Amino acid sequence: VAGPAADGRPVRVLGAFGSAVAAPGETAQVTLTVPARVFARYDEQAARWTWPSGEFTIAIGRSSRDLRLHAAVTVA
């Protein structure tokens, strides 16, 4: 998940992962649940988690270098 620039937040974080096995020519389906906390960052001054508003991009792929699908999510 990549989102608005914020102090202390990495450019991209791992939101969920799963695995699938499929033979050549077969398809597989994997359901992933991305928890709300993935969109948050810890504010050290306030000593609490905050949820910055803005648009986040959820990218799905085989690795961080092979991201084949993208979806935009807006946090208000």
PDB file of N, CA and C in Angstrom:
ATOM      1  N   VAL A   1       0.852  -1.164   0.000  1.00  0.00           N
ATOM      2  CA  VAL A   1       0.000   0.000   0.000  1.00  0.00           C
ATOM      3  C   VAL A   1       0.900   1.228   0.000  1.00  0.00           C
ATOM      4  N   ALA A   2       0.666   2.131  -0.934  1.00  0.00           N
ATOM      5  CA  ALA A   2       1.404   3.383  -1.020  1.00  0.00           C
ATOM      6  C   ALA A   2       0.407   4.516  -0.850  1.00  0.00           C
ATOM      7  N   GLY A   3       0.804   5.569  -0.135  1.00  0.00           N
ATOM      8  CA  GLY A   3      -0.146   6.641   0.128  1.00  0.00           C
ATOM      9  C   GLY A   3       0.500   7.994   0.215  1.00  0.00           C
ATOM     10  N   PRO A   4      -0.249   8.959   0.742  1.00  0.00           N
ATOM     11  CA  PRO A   4       0.259  10.324   0.850  1.00  0.00           C
ATOM     12  C   PRO A   4       1.551  10.365   1.666  1.00  0.00           C
ATOM     13  N   ALA A   5       2.444  11.247   1.262  1.00  0.00           N
ATOM     14  CA  ALA A   5       3.696  11.397   2.008  1.00  0.00           C
ATOM     15  C   ALA A   5       3.388  11.908   3.405  1.00  0.00           C
ATOM     16  N   ALA A   6       4.007  11.303   4.386  1.00  0.00           N
ATOM     17  CA  ALA A   6       3.822  11.726   5.778  1.00  0.00           C
ATOM     18  C   ALA A   6       5.110  11.424   6.532  1.00  0.00           C
ATOM     19  N   ASP A   7       5.425  12.276   7.490  1.00  0.00           N
ATOM     20  CA  ASP A   7       6.621  12.051   8.294  1.00  0.00           C
ATOM     21  C   ASP A   7       6.530  10.698   8.979  1.00  0.00           C
ATOM     22  N   GLY A   8       7.589   9.921   8.871  1.00  0.00           N
ATOM     23  CA  GLY A   8       7.639   8.647   9.558  1.00  0.00           C
ATOM     24  C   GLY A   8       6.945   7.502   8.835  1.00  0.00           C
ATOM     25  N   ARG A   9       6.339   7.746   7.677  1.00  0.00           N
ATOM     26  CA  ARG A   9       5.652   6.684   6.947  1.00  0.00           C
ATOM     27  C   ARG A   9       6.503   6.271   5.757  1.00  0.00           C
ATOM     28  N   PRO A  10       6.769   4.972   5.612  1.00  0.00           N
ATOM     29  CA  PRO A  10       7.530   4.522   4.450  1.00  0.00           C
ATOM     30  C   PRO A  10       6.749   4.776   3.158  1.00  0.00           C
ATOM     31  N   VAL A  11       7.445   4.778   2.044  1.00  0.00           N
ATOM     32  CA  VAL A  11       6.806   4.999   0.750  1.00  0.00           C
ATOM     33  C   VAL A  11       5.783   3.894   0.460  1.00  0.00           C
ATOM     34  N   ARG A  12       6.118   2.663   0.813  1.00  0.00           N
ATOM     35  CA  ARG A  12       5.243   1.524   0.552  1.00  0.00           C
ATOM     36  C   ARG A  12       5.316   0.567   1.743  1.00  0.00           C
ATOM     37  N   VAL A  13       4.177  -0.033   2.100  1.00  0.00           N
ATOM     38  CA  VAL A  13       4.147  -1.019   3.176  1.00  0.00           C
ATOM     39  C   VAL A  13       3.416  -2.269   2.703  1.00  0.00           C
ATOM     40  N   LEU A  14       3.762  -3.403   3.287  1.00  0.00           N
ATOM     41  CA  LEU A  14       3.076  -4.656   2.992  1.00  0.00           C
ATOM     42  C   LEU A  14       1.774  -4.680   3.767  1.00  0.00           C
ATOM     43  N   GLY A  15       0.645  -4.767   3.040  1.00  0.00           N
ATOM     44  CA  GLY A  15      -0.669  -4.747   3.675  1.00  0.00           C
ATOM     45  C   GLY A  15      -1.214  -6.125   3.943  1.00  0.00           C
ATOM     46  N   ALA A  16      -0.905  -7.085   3.076  1.00  0.00           N
ATOM     47  CA  ALA A  16      -1.396  -8.457   3.222  1.00  0.00           C
ATOM     48  C   ALA A  16      -0.613  -9.326   2.243  1.00  0.00           C
ATOM     49  N   PHE A  17      -0.628 -10.617   2.500  1.00  0.00           N
ATOM     50  CA  PHE A  17       0.014 -11.524   1.549  1.00  0.00           C
ATOM     51  C   PHE A  17      -0.686 -12.874   1.587  1.00  0.00           C
ATOM     52  N   GLY A  18      -0.516 -13.613   0.534  1.00  0.00           N
ATOM     53  CA  GLY A  18      -1.093 -14.945   0.433  1.00  0.00           C
ATOM     54  C   GLY A  18      -0.347 -15.711  -0.642  1.00  0.00           C
ATOM     55  N   SER A  19      -0.721 -16.954  -0.834  1.00  0.00           N
ATOM     56  CA  SER A  19      -0.078 -17.755  -1.875  1.00  0.00           C
ATOM     57  C   SER A  19      -1.127 -18.613  -2.569  1.00  0.00           C
ATOM     58  N   ALA A  20      -0.783 -19.033  -3.754  1.00  0.00           N
ATOM     59  CA  ALA A  20      -1.680 -19.883  -4.543  1.00  0.00           C
ATOM     60  C   ALA A  20      -0.833 -20.833  -5.360  1.00  0.00           C
ATOM     61  N   VAL A  21      -1.412 -21.963  -5.690  1.00  0.00           N
ATOM     62  CA  VAL A  21      -0.748 -22.942  -6.538  1.00  0.00           C
ATOM     63  C   VAL A  21      -1.657 -23.205  -7.726  1.00  0.00           C
ATOM     64  N   ALA A  22      -1.094 -23.118  -8.926  1.00  0.00           N
ATOM     65  CA  ALA A  22      -1.865 -23.384 -10.140  1.00  0.00           C
ATOM     66  C   ALA A  22      -0.941 -24.011 -11.173  1.00  0.00           C
ATOM     67  N   ALA A  23      -1.448 -24.988 -11.863  1.00  0.00           N
ATOM     68  CA  ALA A  23      -0.698 -25.614 -12.942  1.00  0.00           C
ATOM     69  C   ALA A  23      -0.718 -24.688 -14.154  1.00  0.00           C
ATOM     70  N   PRO A  24       0.178 -24.880 -15.110  1.00  0.00           N
ATOM     71  CA  PRO A  24       0.176 -24.047 -16.316  1.00  0.00           C
ATOM     72  C   PRO A  24      -1.206 -24.045 -16.975  1.00  0.00           C
ATOM     73  N   GLY A  25      -1.701 -22.851 -17.292  1.00  0.00           N
ATOM     74  CA  GLY A  25      -3.007 -22.707 -17.929  1.00  0.00           C
ATOM     75  C   GLY A  25      -4.169 -22.636 -16.956  1.00  0.00           C
ATOM     76  N   GLU A  26      -3.955 -22.945 -15.688  1.00  0.00           N
ATOM     77  CA  GLU A  26      -5.004 -22.865 -14.677  1.00  0.00           C
ATOM     78  C   GLU A  26      -5.014 -21.466 -14.052  1.00  0.00           C
ATOM     79  N   THR A  27      -6.125 -21.135 -13.434  1.00  0.00           N
ATOM     80  CA  THR A  27      -6.210 -19.889 -12.675  1.00  0.00           C
ATOM     81  C   THR A  27      -6.401 -20.229 -11.206  1.00  0.00           C
ATOM     82  N   ALA A  28      -6.066 -19.284 -10.370  1.00  0.00           N
ATOM     83  CA  ALA A  28      -6.239 -19.453  -8.932  1.00  0.00           C
ATOM     84  C   ALA A  28      -6.779 -18.146  -8.369  1.00  0.00           C
ATOM     85  N   GLN A  29      -7.531 -18.244  -7.314  1.00  0.00           N
ATOM     86  CA  GLN A  29      -8.090 -17.060  -6.669  1.00  0.00           C
ATOM     87  C   GLN A  29      -7.595 -16.989  -5.236  1.00  0.00           C
ATOM     88  N   VAL A  30      -7.154 -15.805  -4.833  1.00  0.00           N
ATOM     89  CA  VAL A  30      -6.681 -15.569  -3.473  1.00  0.00           C
ATOM     90  C   VAL A  30      -7.434 -14.365  -2.932  1.00  0.00           C
ATOM     91  N   THR A  31      -8.002 -14.488  -1.754  1.00  0.00           N
ATOM     92  CA  THR A  31      -8.686 -13.380  -1.103  1.00  0.00           C
ATOM     93  C   THR A  31      -7.785 -12.826  -0.010  1.00  0.00           C
ATOM     94  N   LEU A  32      -7.515 -11.526  -0.075  1.00  0.00           N
ATOM     95  CA  LEU A  32      -6.661 -10.870   0.909  1.00  0.00           C
ATOM     96  C   LEU A  32      -7.469  -9.830   1.668  1.00  0.00           C
ATOM     97  N   THR A  33      -7.211  -9.699   2.945  1.00  0.00           N
ATOM     98  CA  THR A  33      -7.850  -8.687   3.771  1.00  0.00           C
ATOM     99  C   THR A  33      -6.775  -7.700   4.211  1.00  0.00           C
ATOM    100  N   VAL A  34      -6.957  -6.440   3.840  1.00  0.00           N
ATOM    101  CA  VAL A  34      -6.009  -5.394   4.219  1.00  0.00           C
ATOM    102  C   VAL A  34      -6.586  -4.688   5.440  1.00  0.00           C
ATOM    103  N   PRO A  35      -5.943  -4.819   6.608  1.00  0.00           N
ATOM    104  CA  PRO A  35      -6.480  -4.182   7.814  1.00  0.00           C
ATOM    105  C   PRO A  35      -6.378  -2.663   7.754  1.00  0.00           C
ATOM    106  N   ALA A  36      -7.297  -1.976   8.417  1.00  0.00           N
ATOM    107  CA  ALA A  36      -7.337  -0.514   8.419  1.00  0.00           C
ATOM    108  C   ALA A  36      -6.034   0.086   8.930  1.00  0.00           C
ATOM    109  N   ARG A  37      -5.374  -0.584   9.832  1.00  0.00           N
ATOM    110  CA  ARG A  37      -4.146  -0.039  10.424  1.00  0.00           C
ATOM    111  C   ARG A  37      -3.040   0.154   9.388  1.00  0.00           C
ATOM    112  N   VAL A  38      -3.123  -0.534   8.246  1.00  0.00           N
ATOM    113  CA  VAL A  38      -2.125  -0.366   7.193  1.00  0.00           C
ATOM    114  C   VAL A  38      -2.112   1.075   6.687  1.00  0.00           C
ATOM    115  N   PHE A  39      -3.258   1.757   6.767  1.00  0.00           N
ATOM    116  CA  PHE A  39      -3.355   3.120   6.276  1.00  0.00           C
ATOM    117  C   PHE A  39      -2.947   4.144   7.344  1.00  0.00           C
ATOM    118  N   ALA A  40      -2.639   3.699   8.537  1.00  0.00           N
ATOM    119  CA  ALA A  40      -2.333   4.596   9.652  1.00  0.00           C
ATOM    120  C   ALA A  40      -0.827   4.814   9.795  1.00  0.00           C
ATOM    121  N   ARG A  41      -0.499   5.815  10.598  1.00  0.00           N
ATOM    122  CA  ARG A  41       0.886   6.027  10.994  1.00  0.00           C
ATOM    123  C   ARG A  41       0.885   6.419  12.467  1.00  0.00           C
ATOM    124  N   TYR A  42       1.959   6.117  13.140  1.00  0.00           N
ATOM    125  CA  TYR A  42       2.039   6.441  14.562  1.00  0.00           C
ATOM    126  C   TYR A  42       2.593   7.856  14.723  1.00  0.00           C
ATOM    127  N   ASP A  43       1.837   8.711  15.396  1.00  0.00           N
ATOM    128  CA  ASP A  43       2.240  10.092  15.677  1.00  0.00           C
ATOM    129  C   ASP A  43       2.900  10.102  17.056  1.00  0.00           C
ATOM    130  N   GLU A  44       4.232  10.227  17.078  1.00  0.00           N
ATOM    131  CA  GLU A  44       4.965  10.170  18.344  1.00  0.00           C
ATOM    132  C   GLU A  44       4.629  11.337  19.264  1.00  0.00           C
ATOM    133  N   GLN A  45       4.403  12.522  18.714  1.00  0.00           N
ATOM    134  CA  GLN A  45       4.083  13.678  19.545  1.00  0.00           C
ATOM    135  C   GLN A  45       2.736  13.505  20.239  1.00  0.00           C
ATOM    136  N   ALA A  46       1.766  12.954  19.538  1.00  0.00           N
ATOM    137  CA  ALA A  46       0.433  12.749  20.123  1.00  0.00           C
ATOM    138  C   ALA A  46       0.340  11.409  20.844  1.00  0.00           C
ATOM    139  N   ALA A  47       1.355  10.556  20.665  1.00  0.00           N
ATOM    140  CA  ALA A  47       1.388   9.217  21.270  1.00  0.00           C
ATOM    141  C   ALA A  47       0.141   8.403  20.913  1.00  0.00           C
ATOM    142  N   ARG A  48      -0.209   8.440  19.608  1.00  0.00           N
ATOM    143  CA  ARG A  48      -1.362   7.663  19.146  1.00  0.00           C
ATOM    144  C   ARG A  48      -1.265   7.448  17.649  1.00  0.00           C
ATOM    145  N   TRP A  49      -2.059   6.508  17.161  1.00  0.00           N
ATOM    146  CA  TRP A  49      -2.143   6.240  15.727  1.00  0.00           C
ATOM    147  C   TRP A  49      -3.058   7.265  15.077  1.00  0.00           C
ATOM    148  N   THR A  50      -2.681   7.731  13.891  1.00  0.00           N
ATOM    149  CA  THR A  50      -3.517   8.654  13.118  1.00  0.00           C
ATOM    150  C   THR A  50      -3.722   8.079  11.725  1.00  0.00           C
ATOM    151  N   TRP A  51      -4.812   8.469  11.097  1.00  0.00           N
ATOM    152  CA  TRP A  51      -5.129   8.004   9.752  1.00  0.00           C
ATOM    153  C   TRP A  51      -5.132   9.212   8.819  1.00  0.00           C
ATOM    154  N   PRO A  52      -4.032   9.443   8.096  1.00  0.00           N
ATOM    155  CA  PRO A  52      -3.992  10.569   7.173  1.00  0.00           C
ATOM    156  C   PRO A  52      -5.023  10.384   6.058  1.00  0.00           C
ATOM    157  N   SER A  53      -5.683  11.464   5.686  1.00  0.00           N
ATOM    158  CA  SER A  53      -6.635  11.368   4.590  1.00  0.00           C
ATOM    159  C   SER A  53      -5.880  11.499   3.272  1.00  0.00           C
ATOM    160  N   GLY A  54      -6.499  11.016   2.214  1.00  0.00           N
ATOM    161  CA  GLY A  54      -5.896  11.098   0.888  1.00  0.00           C
ATOM    162  C   GLY A  54      -6.105   9.826   0.113  1.00  0.00           C
ATOM    163  N   GLU A  55      -5.461   9.758  -1.025  1.00  0.00           N
ATOM    164  CA  GLU A  55      -5.595   8.587  -1.888  1.00  0.00           C
ATOM    165  C   GLU A  55      -4.411   7.654  -1.685  1.00  0.00           C
ATOM    166  N   PHE A  56      -4.725   6.387  -1.508  1.00  0.00           N
ATOM    167  CA  PHE A  56      -3.726   5.339  -1.368  1.00  0.00           C
ATOM    168  C   PHE A  56      -3.842   4.422  -2.578  1.00  0.00           C
ATOM    169  N   THR A  57      -2.752   3.794  -2.943  1.00  0.00           N
ATOM    170  CA  THR A  57      -2.760   2.827  -4.032  1.00  0.00           C
ATOM    171  C   THR A  57      -2.437   1.457  -3.470  1.00  0.00           C
ATOM    172  N   ILE A  58      -3.326   0.514  -3.733  1.00  0.00           N
ATOM    173  CA  ILE A  58      -3.073  -0.870  -3.367  1.00  0.00           C
ATOM    174  C   ILE A  58      -2.540  -1.559  -4.614  1.00  0.00           C
ATOM    175  N   ALA A  59      -1.357  -2.129  -4.503  1.00  0.00           N
ATOM    176  CA  ALA A  59      -0.729  -2.819  -5.623  1.00  0.00           C
ATOM    177  C   ALA A  59      -0.633  -4.307  -5.299  1.00  0.00           C
ATOM    178  N   ILE A  60      -0.903  -5.126  -6.283  1.00  0.00           N
ATOM    179  CA  ILE A  60      -0.903  -6.575  -6.096  1.00  0.00           C
ATOM    180  C   ILE A  60       0.040  -7.195  -7.122  1.00  0.00           C
ATOM    181  N   GLY A  61       0.889  -8.092  -6.657  1.00  0.00           N
ATOM    182  CA  GLY A  61       1.815  -8.737  -7.569  1.00  0.00           C
ATOM    183  C   GLY A  61       2.547  -9.883  -6.920  1.00  0.00           C
ATOM    184  N   ARG A  62       3.462 -10.425  -7.663  1.00  0.00           N
ATOM    185  CA  ARG A  62       4.249 -11.564  -7.178  1.00  0.00           C
ATOM    186  C   ARG A  62       5.346 -11.131  -6.213  1.00  0.00           C
ATOM    187  N   SER A  63       5.804  -9.882  -6.350  1.00  0.00           N
ATOM    188  CA  SER A  63       6.826  -9.330  -5.463  1.00  0.00           C
ATOM    189  C   SER A  63       6.742  -7.815  -5.549  1.00  0.00           C
ATOM    190  N   SER A  64       7.545  -7.116  -4.757  1.00  0.00           N
ATOM    191  CA  SER A  64       7.527  -5.654  -4.794  1.00  0.00           C
ATOM    192  C   SER A  64       8.068  -5.111  -6.113  1.00  0.00           C
ATOM    193  N   ARG A  65       8.738  -5.941  -6.864  1.00  0.00           N
ATOM    194  CA  ARG A  65       9.264  -5.532  -8.172  1.00  0.00           C
ATOM    195  C   ARG A  65       8.395  -6.019  -9.327  1.00  0.00           C
ATOM    196  N   ASP A  66       7.333  -6.737  -9.015  1.00  0.00           N
ATOM    197  CA  ASP A  66       6.446  -7.291 -10.052  1.00  0.00           C
ATOM    198  C   ASP A  66       4.996  -7.036  -9.644  1.00  0.00           C
ATOM    199  N   LEU A  67       4.592  -5.772  -9.647  1.00  0.00           N
ATOM    200  CA  LEU A  67       3.244  -5.379  -9.239  1.00  0.00           C
ATOM    201  C   LEU A  67       2.375  -5.226 -10.480  1.00  0.00           C
ATOM    202  N   ARG A  68       1.446  -6.153 -10.669  1.00  0.00           N
ATOM    203  CA  ARG A  68       0.675  -6.227 -11.912  1.00  0.00           C
ATOM    204  C   ARG A  68      -0.690  -5.566 -11.836  1.00  0.00           C
ATOM    205  N   LEU A  69      -1.278  -5.472 -10.656  1.00  0.00           N
ATOM    206  CA  LEU A  69      -2.604  -4.888 -10.494  1.00  0.00           C
ATOM    207  C   LEU A  69      -2.532  -3.716  -9.523  1.00  0.00           C
ATOM    208  N   HIS A  70      -3.344  -2.688  -9.773  1.00  0.00           N
ATOM    209  CA  HIS A  70      -3.378  -1.511  -8.905  1.00  0.00           C
ATOM    210  C   HIS A  70      -4.832  -1.084  -8.700  1.00  0.00           C
ATOM    211  N   ALA A  71      -5.135  -0.621  -7.502  1.00  0.00           N
ATOM    212  CA  ALA A  71      -6.463  -0.081  -7.197  1.00  0.00           C
ATOM    213  C   ALA A  71      -6.282   1.129  -6.291  1.00  0.00           C
ATOM    214  N   ALA A  72      -7.064   2.165  -6.527  1.00  0.00           N
ATOM    215  CA  ALA A  72      -7.013   3.373  -5.705  1.00  0.00           C
ATOM    216  C   ALA A  72      -8.054   3.282  -4.594  1.00  0.00           C
ATOM    217  N   VAL A  73      -7.669   3.718  -3.380  1.00  0.00           N
ATOM    218  CA  VAL A  73      -8.532   3.751  -2.227  1.00  0.00           C
ATOM    219  C   VAL A  73      -8.428   5.151  -1.633  1.00  0.00           C
ATOM    220  N   THR A  74      -9.559   5.791  -1.363  1.00  0.00           N
ATOM    221  CA  THR A  74      -9.550   7.121  -0.761  1.00  0.00           C
ATOM    222  C   THR A  74      -9.943   7.024   0.696  1.00  0.00           C
ATOM    223  N   VAL A  75      -9.106   7.566   1.573  1.00  0.00           N
ATOM    224  CA  VAL A  75      -9.380   7.612   3.009  1.00  0.00           C
ATOM    225  C   VAL A  75      -9.783   9.034   3.332  1.00  0.00           C
ATOM    226  N   ALA A  76     -10.983   9.185   3.893  1.00  0.00           N
ATOM    227  CA  ALA A  76     -11.483  10.536   4.197  1.00  0.00           C
ATOM    228  C   ALA A  76     -11.199  10.913   5.629  1.00  0.00           C
TER     229      ALA A  76
END
